[in-house]
Protein backbone atom coordinates (compact mmCIF):
# COMPACT_ATOMS: atom_id res chain seq x y z
CA MET A 1 0.00 0.00 0.00
CA ASP A 2 1.38 3.39 -1.01
CA LEU A 3 1.65 5.88 1.82
CA SER A 4 0.61 9.51 1.65
CA LEU A 5 3.22 12.18 2.39
CA PRO A 6 1.95 12.75 5.99
CA GLN A 7 2.11 8.98 6.56
CA ILE A 8 5.67 8.82 5.20
CA ILE A 9 6.70 11.66 7.51
CA ALA A 10 5.06 9.90 10.47
CA VAL A 11 6.90 6.66 9.68
CA TYR A 12 10.32 8.27 9.17
CA ALA A 13 10.27 11.11 11.74
CA ILE A 14 11.24 9.12 14.85
CA PRO A 15 13.89 6.92 13.12
CA VAL A 16 15.55 9.93 11.44
CA ILE A 17 15.60 12.10 14.57
CA LEU A 18 16.89 9.23 16.74
CA ALA A 19 19.51 8.23 14.17
CA ILE A 20 20.96 11.72 13.95
CA THR A 21 20.58 12.54 17.66
CA LEU A 22 22.24 9.40 19.04
CA HIS A 23 24.95 9.58 16.35
CA GLU A 24 25.99 13.01 17.66
CA ALA A 25 25.57 12.00 21.31
CA ALA A 26 27.91 9.05 20.69
CA HIS A 27 30.61 11.41 19.38
CA ALA A 28 30.22 13.60 22.47
CA LEU A 29 30.23 10.67 24.89
CA VAL A 30 33.37 9.04 23.48
CA ALA A 31 35.17 12.40 23.35
CA SER A 32 34.33 12.91 27.03
CA LEU A 33 35.58 9.43 27.93
CA LEU A 34 38.84 10.12 26.08
CA GLY A 35 39.58 13.41 27.79
CA ASP A 36 37.71 16.20 25.98
CA SER A 37 34.65 17.33 27.95
CA THR A 38 33.88 20.31 25.66
CA ALA A 39 30.76 18.75 24.16
CA ALA A 40 29.67 17.24 27.48
CA LYS A 41 29.74 20.67 29.14
CA LEU A 42 27.47 21.94 26.35
CA GLY A 43 24.95 19.20 27.07
CA ARG A 44 25.67 17.20 23.93
CA VAL A 45 25.95 13.83 25.74
CA SER A 46 22.18 13.65 25.60
CA ALA A 47 19.37 11.77 23.88
CA ASN A 48 17.36 15.01 23.81
CA PRO A 49 16.96 15.85 20.09
CA LEU A 50 16.78 19.57 20.88
CA ARG A 51 20.45 19.43 21.91
CA HIS A 52 21.49 18.25 18.46
CA ILE A 53 18.90 19.23 15.86
CA ASP A 54 19.87 21.65 13.11
CA PRO A 55 16.60 23.08 11.73
CA VAL A 56 17.90 22.97 8.16
CA GLY A 57 19.98 19.79 8.17
CA THR A 58 17.85 17.63 10.47
CA LEU A 59 14.35 18.75 9.46
CA LEU A 60 14.17 20.80 6.27
CA VAL A 61 16.59 18.90 4.00
CA PRO A 62 15.35 15.36 4.84
CA GLY A 63 11.77 16.65 4.57
CA LEU A 64 12.39 18.10 1.12
CA ILE A 65 14.04 14.85 0.01
CA LEU A 66 11.01 12.86 1.16
CA LEU A 67 8.68 15.35 -0.55
CA SER A 68 10.56 15.27 -3.85
CA SER A 69 10.79 11.46 -3.71
CA LYS A 70 7.03 11.25 -3.23
CA LEU A 71 6.24 13.75 -5.99
CA LEU A 72 8.70 12.23 -8.47
CA GLY A 73 7.88 8.65 -7.61
CA GLY A 74 11.48 7.81 -6.72
CA ALA A 75 13.23 6.56 -3.63
CA GLY A 76 15.73 9.27 -2.83
CA MET A 77 18.55 8.73 -0.36
CA ILE A 78 17.82 10.32 2.99
CA PHE A 79 20.44 12.98 3.60
CA GLY A 80 20.80 15.32 6.56
CA TRP A 81 22.99 16.49 9.38
CA ALA A 82 22.90 17.80 12.94
CA LYS A 83 24.76 20.55 14.77
CA PRO A 84 28.46 19.60 14.76
CA VAL A 85 29.81 18.27 18.04
CA PRO A 86 32.66 20.53 19.17
CA ILE A 87 35.87 18.59 19.78
CA VAL A 88 39.10 20.15 21.07
CA VAL A 89 41.59 17.64 19.71
CA SER A 90 44.42 18.80 21.97
CA ASN A 91 42.35 17.81 25.03
CA LEU A 92 42.25 14.16 23.95
CA ARG A 93 44.76 11.90 25.68
CA SER A 94 46.14 10.57 22.40
CA PRO A 95 44.86 13.15 19.90
CA ARG A 96 45.47 11.31 16.63
CA ARG A 97 44.25 7.90 17.79
CA ASP A 98 41.40 9.23 19.91
CA MET A 99 40.03 11.46 17.14
CA GLY A 100 39.60 8.30 15.07
CA LEU A 101 37.73 6.63 17.93
CA VAL A 102 35.49 9.67 18.42
CA ALA A 103 34.72 9.70 14.69
CA ALA A 104 33.99 5.96 14.59
CA ALA A 105 31.52 6.22 17.48
CA GLY A 106 28.87 7.92 15.34
CA PRO A 107 28.56 5.31 12.55
CA LEU A 108 28.90 2.47 15.05
CA SER A 109 25.95 3.89 17.00
CA ASN A 110 23.91 3.83 13.77
CA LEU A 111 24.81 0.21 13.11
CA ALA A 112 23.75 -0.62 16.68
CA MET A 113 20.45 1.22 16.15
CA ALA A 114 19.87 -0.64 12.87
CA LEU A 115 20.24 -3.89 14.85
CA ALA A 116 17.84 -2.59 17.54
CA TRP A 117 15.20 -1.68 14.94
CA GLY A 118 15.69 -5.11 13.38
CA LEU A 119 15.00 -6.74 16.74
CA ILE A 120 11.84 -4.65 17.07
CA LEU A 121 10.77 -5.82 13.62
CA LYS A 122 11.38 -9.44 14.62
CA MET A 123 9.27 -9.01 17.76
CA LEU A 124 6.49 -7.41 15.73
CA ALA A 125 6.58 -10.31 13.27
CA ALA A 126 5.94 -12.66 16.19
CA GLY A 127 3.00 -10.59 17.42
CA ASP A 128 -0.66 -10.43 16.47
CA PRO A 129 -0.86 -9.43 12.78
CA SER A 130 -4.44 -8.24 13.21
CA ALA A 131 -3.45 -5.52 15.70
CA GLY A 132 -4.15 -2.10 14.21
CA TYR A 133 -0.76 -0.64 15.13
CA GLN A 134 1.21 -3.60 13.79
CA GLU A 135 1.68 -2.44 10.20
CA PHE A 136 2.59 1.14 11.17
CA LEU A 137 5.20 0.03 13.71
CA ALA A 138 6.60 -2.53 11.26
CA ARG A 139 7.01 0.17 8.61
CA MET A 140 8.70 2.40 11.22
CA ALA A 141 11.07 -0.43 12.19
CA VAL A 142 11.98 -1.03 8.53
CA ALA A 143 12.57 2.72 8.14
CA GLY A 144 14.76 2.63 11.26
CA VAL A 145 16.89 -0.16 9.81
CA VAL A 146 17.30 1.57 6.44
CA VAL A 147 17.89 5.08 7.79
CA ASN A 148 20.55 3.92 10.25
CA LEU A 149 22.33 1.71 7.73
CA VAL A 150 22.38 4.54 5.19
CA LEU A 151 23.62 7.08 7.74
CA GLY A 152 26.22 4.68 9.12
CA LEU A 153 27.51 3.64 5.69
CA LEU A 154 27.49 7.19 4.36
CA ASN A 155 29.51 8.45 7.30
CA LEU A 156 32.02 5.64 6.92
CA MET A 157 33.00 6.84 3.45
CA PRO A 158 36.68 7.90 3.54
CA ILE A 159 36.04 11.55 2.70
CA PRO A 160 36.75 14.15 5.42
CA PRO A 161 34.88 15.67 7.18
CA LEU A 162 32.78 12.48 7.15
CA ASP A 163 33.62 10.19 10.04
CA GLY A 164 35.23 7.62 7.74
CA GLY A 165 37.65 10.24 6.48
CA ARG A 166 38.69 11.12 10.01
CA VAL A 167 39.08 7.46 10.92
CA LEU A 168 41.27 6.98 7.85
CA VAL A 169 43.43 9.98 8.77
CA SER A 170 43.92 8.56 12.26
CA LEU A 171 45.03 5.17 10.88
CA LEU A 172 47.34 6.16 8.02
CA PRO A 173 51.00 7.15 8.40
CA ARG A 174 51.35 10.91 8.71
CA GLN A 175 52.77 11.41 5.21
CA LEU A 176 49.68 9.73 3.73
CA ALA A 177 47.18 11.15 6.21
CA LEU A 178 48.12 14.81 5.62
CA PRO A 179 46.93 15.04 1.97
CA ILE A 180 43.61 13.41 2.93
CA ALA A 181 43.16 15.74 5.91
CA ARG A 182 43.67 18.71 3.57
CA LEU A 183 40.56 17.65 1.63
CA GLU A 184 38.32 18.46 4.62
CA PRO A 185 37.32 22.01 3.49
CA TYR A 186 36.18 20.53 0.16
CA GLY A 187 34.64 17.32 1.48
CA ILE A 188 31.04 18.48 1.45
CA VAL A 189 31.40 19.75 -2.12
CA ILE A 190 32.84 16.37 -3.15
CA LEU A 191 29.99 14.61 -1.37
CA LEU A 192 27.32 16.75 -3.05
CA LEU A 193 28.90 16.14 -6.47
CA LEU A 194 28.87 12.40 -5.83
CA LEU A 195 25.23 12.66 -4.74
CA ALA A 196 24.22 14.74 -7.79
CA THR A 197 25.94 12.41 -10.26
CA GLY A 198 24.49 9.25 -8.73
CA ALA A 199 27.94 7.93 -7.83
CA LEU A 200 27.13 8.06 -4.12
CA GLY A 201 24.06 5.89 -4.58
CA ALA A 202 26.04 3.49 -6.76
CA VAL A 203 28.45 2.93 -3.86
CA VAL A 204 26.08 3.06 -0.89
CA GLY A 205 23.23 1.16 -2.58
CA PRO A 206 24.97 -2.24 -2.86
CA LEU A 207 26.44 -1.83 0.62
CA LEU A 208 22.94 -1.09 1.95
CA ASP A 209 21.57 -4.23 0.27
CA PHE A 210 24.43 -6.24 1.76
CA GLY A 211 23.81 -4.78 5.22
CA ILE A 212 20.08 -5.56 5.04
CA ASN A 213 20.80 -9.12 3.92
CA VAL A 214 23.30 -9.65 6.74
CA LEU A 215 20.90 -8.21 9.34
CA SER A 216 17.98 -10.26 7.97
CA SER A 217 20.04 -13.46 8.12
CA LEU A 218 21.38 -12.65 11.58
CA LEU A 219 17.90 -12.04 13.01
CA GLY A 220 16.11 -14.70 10.96
CA LEU A 221 13.89 -12.13 9.27
CA ASN A 222 13.94 -14.08 6.00
CA ASN A 223 12.03 -16.93 7.59
């Protein structure tokens, strides 16, 4: 059954807000554990969406993507962002290593949330299919899996300032890491070009299918 735009928004709103909120909170929490309490002092180690939401990046841009996807009959990739978590690298105990761990925390939180939504979907599948709320919650759980896998995979791409780029910089020898780190001011432009040309979808799409298949097999959702 095709959903109306208000129904699509209702299904995706909670998964998108949670995915972005807990992604940012994970960055702040790991930074605090590794010696930099800057974000923690600003209240960013929090599951309160108001601490993290960027009105444009968290609400307007994903909303416009959903709207255009509905109007054009496509399935656009959800894209958005939250307020950046402030990190003072020099406060970290081992700045180069720890910055990689802080960066990795965001995507890893999304992969954990994808697993959690998958577990919810499995529990719903074992419930009463005649319950009126069943279909809506199942659609929300599917949206939660997809949104978190997309956000996690997207952020793992090795393009600074995406988390994957910062992880790569922390792992490479300095002479190789420096040229990649210098791409950071242009990273968003590169990302938007990849998105506009379809190259981003060509990379993330197969990885998303693989992630869904792995999660489905792991949780027995194919049965």
